[in-house]
Amino acid sequence: MKEFVLIFRNKDGKHDDPTPDMLQERMNWLAGIAARNRLANAGNSLSADSAKTVRPDNIVTDGPFTEIKEFINGYVIVLAMDIDEAVEMAKANPLLKAGGTVEVREVIVRKKQ
């Protein structure tokens, strides 16, 4: 079993507070993954207001990725046999109904030395 991080992006930059219905849909989605024993880490939301980006030469700018129109607003880590299974989990995320995206990336586990 491998770990995959599902990275959530809103389409319009900084995210608004989710409605109670949106929160319930997300909880149901997570519960479904957990019920199959595939939830490695429920993750967290990421702040839109308390964020900085550090660039080469110690240049610090306000906010995350201000040059793009999407805003990364959170993540979860799931367990899957392969990326295709992780993608199937991502396809059920309610964020997609609101026009957001879910990026799926395998977690590379480095051996401890």
Protein backbone atom coordinates (compact mmCIF):
# COMPACT_ATOMS: atom_id res chain seq x y z
CA MET A 1 0.00 0.00 0.00
CA LYS A 2 1.32 3.46 -0.93
CA GLU A 3 0.48 6.93 0.39
CA PHE A 4 -0.91 9.60 -1.90
CA VAL A 5 -1.52 13.22 -0.99
CA LEU A 6 -4.68 14.80 -2.39
CA ILE A 7 -4.09 18.55 -2.69
CA PHE A 8 -7.22 20.71 -2.89
CA ARG A 9 -7.32 23.90 -4.93
CA ASN A 10 -10.12 26.44 -5.24
CA LYS A 11 -10.64 27.88 -8.69
CA ASP A 12 -10.94 31.53 -7.67
CA GLY A 13 -8.01 32.09 -5.38
CA LYS A 14 -8.67 32.59 -1.69
CA HIS A 15 -11.39 30.28 -0.43
CA ASP A 16 -14.62 31.42 1.15
CA ASP A 17 -16.01 29.80 4.26
CA PRO A 18 -17.72 26.58 3.21
CA THR A 19 -21.45 26.24 3.70
CA PRO A 20 -22.75 23.68 6.22
CA ASP A 21 -23.84 21.50 3.28
CA MET A 22 -20.34 21.64 1.78
CA LEU A 23 -18.80 20.72 5.13
CA GLN A 24 -21.16 17.77 5.51
CA GLU A 25 -20.37 16.53 2.00
CA ARG A 26 -16.64 16.70 2.78
CA MET A 27 -17.13 14.84 6.06
CA ASN A 28 -19.14 12.14 4.28
CA TRP A 29 -16.45 11.83 1.61
CA LEU A 30 -13.72 11.45 4.26
CA ALA A 31 -15.84 8.99 6.25
CA GLY A 32 -16.22 6.84 3.15
CA ILE A 33 -12.45 6.69 2.69
CA ALA A 34 -11.92 5.99 6.40
CA ALA A 35 -14.55 3.22 6.37
CA ARG A 36 -12.44 1.40 3.75
CA ASN A 37 -9.37 1.87 6.00
CA ARG A 38 -7.73 4.05 3.33
CA LEU A 39 -7.34 7.33 5.25
CA ALA A 40 -3.72 7.77 6.36
CA ASN A 41 -4.05 11.39 7.52
CA ALA A 42 -7.18 13.57 7.52
CA GLY A 43 -4.98 16.56 6.69
CA ASN A 44 -5.82 20.17 7.40
CA SER A 45 -7.04 23.33 5.79
CA LEU A 46 -4.41 25.88 4.88
CA SER A 47 -4.69 29.57 5.74
CA ALA A 48 -5.30 32.11 3.02
CA ASP A 49 -4.49 35.06 5.28
CA SER A 50 -1.38 33.92 7.11
CA ALA A 51 0.86 32.91 4.22
CA LYS A 52 4.19 33.93 2.70
CA THR A 53 6.21 32.62 -0.22
CA VAL A 54 10.01 32.50 0.04
CA ARG A 55 11.84 32.75 -3.27
CA PRO A 56 15.52 32.53 -4.21
CA ASP A 57 17.78 35.30 -2.89
CA ASN A 58 15.63 35.52 0.28
CA ILE A 59 12.80 37.34 -1.47
CA VAL A 60 9.62 37.01 0.59
CA THR A 61 6.20 37.86 -0.83
CA ASP A 62 2.79 37.92 0.80
CA GLY A 63 0.44 35.08 0.13
CA PRO A 64 0.77 31.78 -1.63
CA PHE A 65 1.44 31.65 -5.36
CA THR A 66 -0.04 35.05 -6.14
CA GLU A 67 0.78 34.60 -9.82
CA ILE A 68 -1.76 31.80 -10.27
CA LYS A 69 -5.54 31.93 -10.06
CA GLU A 70 -5.93 28.81 -7.93
CA PHE A 71 -5.34 28.66 -4.21
CA ILE A 72 -4.21 25.52 -2.39
CA ASN A 73 -6.57 25.30 0.55
CA GLY A 74 -5.89 21.89 2.08
CA TYR A 75 -4.89 18.26 1.75
CA VAL A 76 -5.47 14.71 2.95
CA ILE A 77 -3.28 11.63 2.68
CA VAL A 78 -4.87 8.39 1.52
CA LEU A 79 -3.67 4.82 1.16
CA ALA A 80 -4.01 3.18 -2.25
CA MET A 81 -2.51 0.34 -4.24
CA ASP A 82 -1.61 2.72 -7.08
CA ILE A 83 -2.25 6.21 -8.41
CA ASP A 84 -5.33 5.06 -10.32
CA GLU A 85 -7.04 3.99 -7.09
CA ALA A 86 -6.08 7.31 -5.46
CA VAL A 87 -7.51 9.19 -8.47
CA GLU A 88 -10.81 7.33 -8.05
CA MET A 89 -10.96 8.57 -4.45
CA ALA A 90 -10.22 12.12 -5.60
CA LYS A 91 -12.98 12.00 -8.22
CA ALA A 92 -15.58 11.73 -5.43
CA ASN A 93 -14.40 14.90 -3.63
CA PRO A 94 -17.22 17.47 -3.40
CA LEU A 95 -14.79 20.33 -4.14
CA LEU A 96 -15.01 19.33 -7.80
CA LYS A 97 -18.72 20.31 -7.84
CA ALA A 98 -17.71 23.85 -6.89
CA GLY A 99 -15.18 24.07 -9.73
CA GLY A 100 -12.10 23.29 -7.65
CA THR A 101 -9.43 20.74 -8.48
CA VAL A 102 -7.74 17.87 -6.66
CA GLU A 103 -4.10 17.11 -7.43
CA VAL A 104 -3.00 13.53 -6.69
CA ARG A 105 0.67 12.87 -5.91
CA GLU A 106 2.44 9.83 -4.53
CA VAL A 107 4.32 10.40 -1.29
CA ILE A 108 7.95 9.37 -1.67
CA VAL A 109 9.13 7.78 1.54
CA ARG A 110 12.86 8.12 2.03
CA LYS A 111 14.67 5.45 3.98
CA LYS A 112 16.11 6.65 7.26
CA GLN A 113 19.89 6.56 7.43
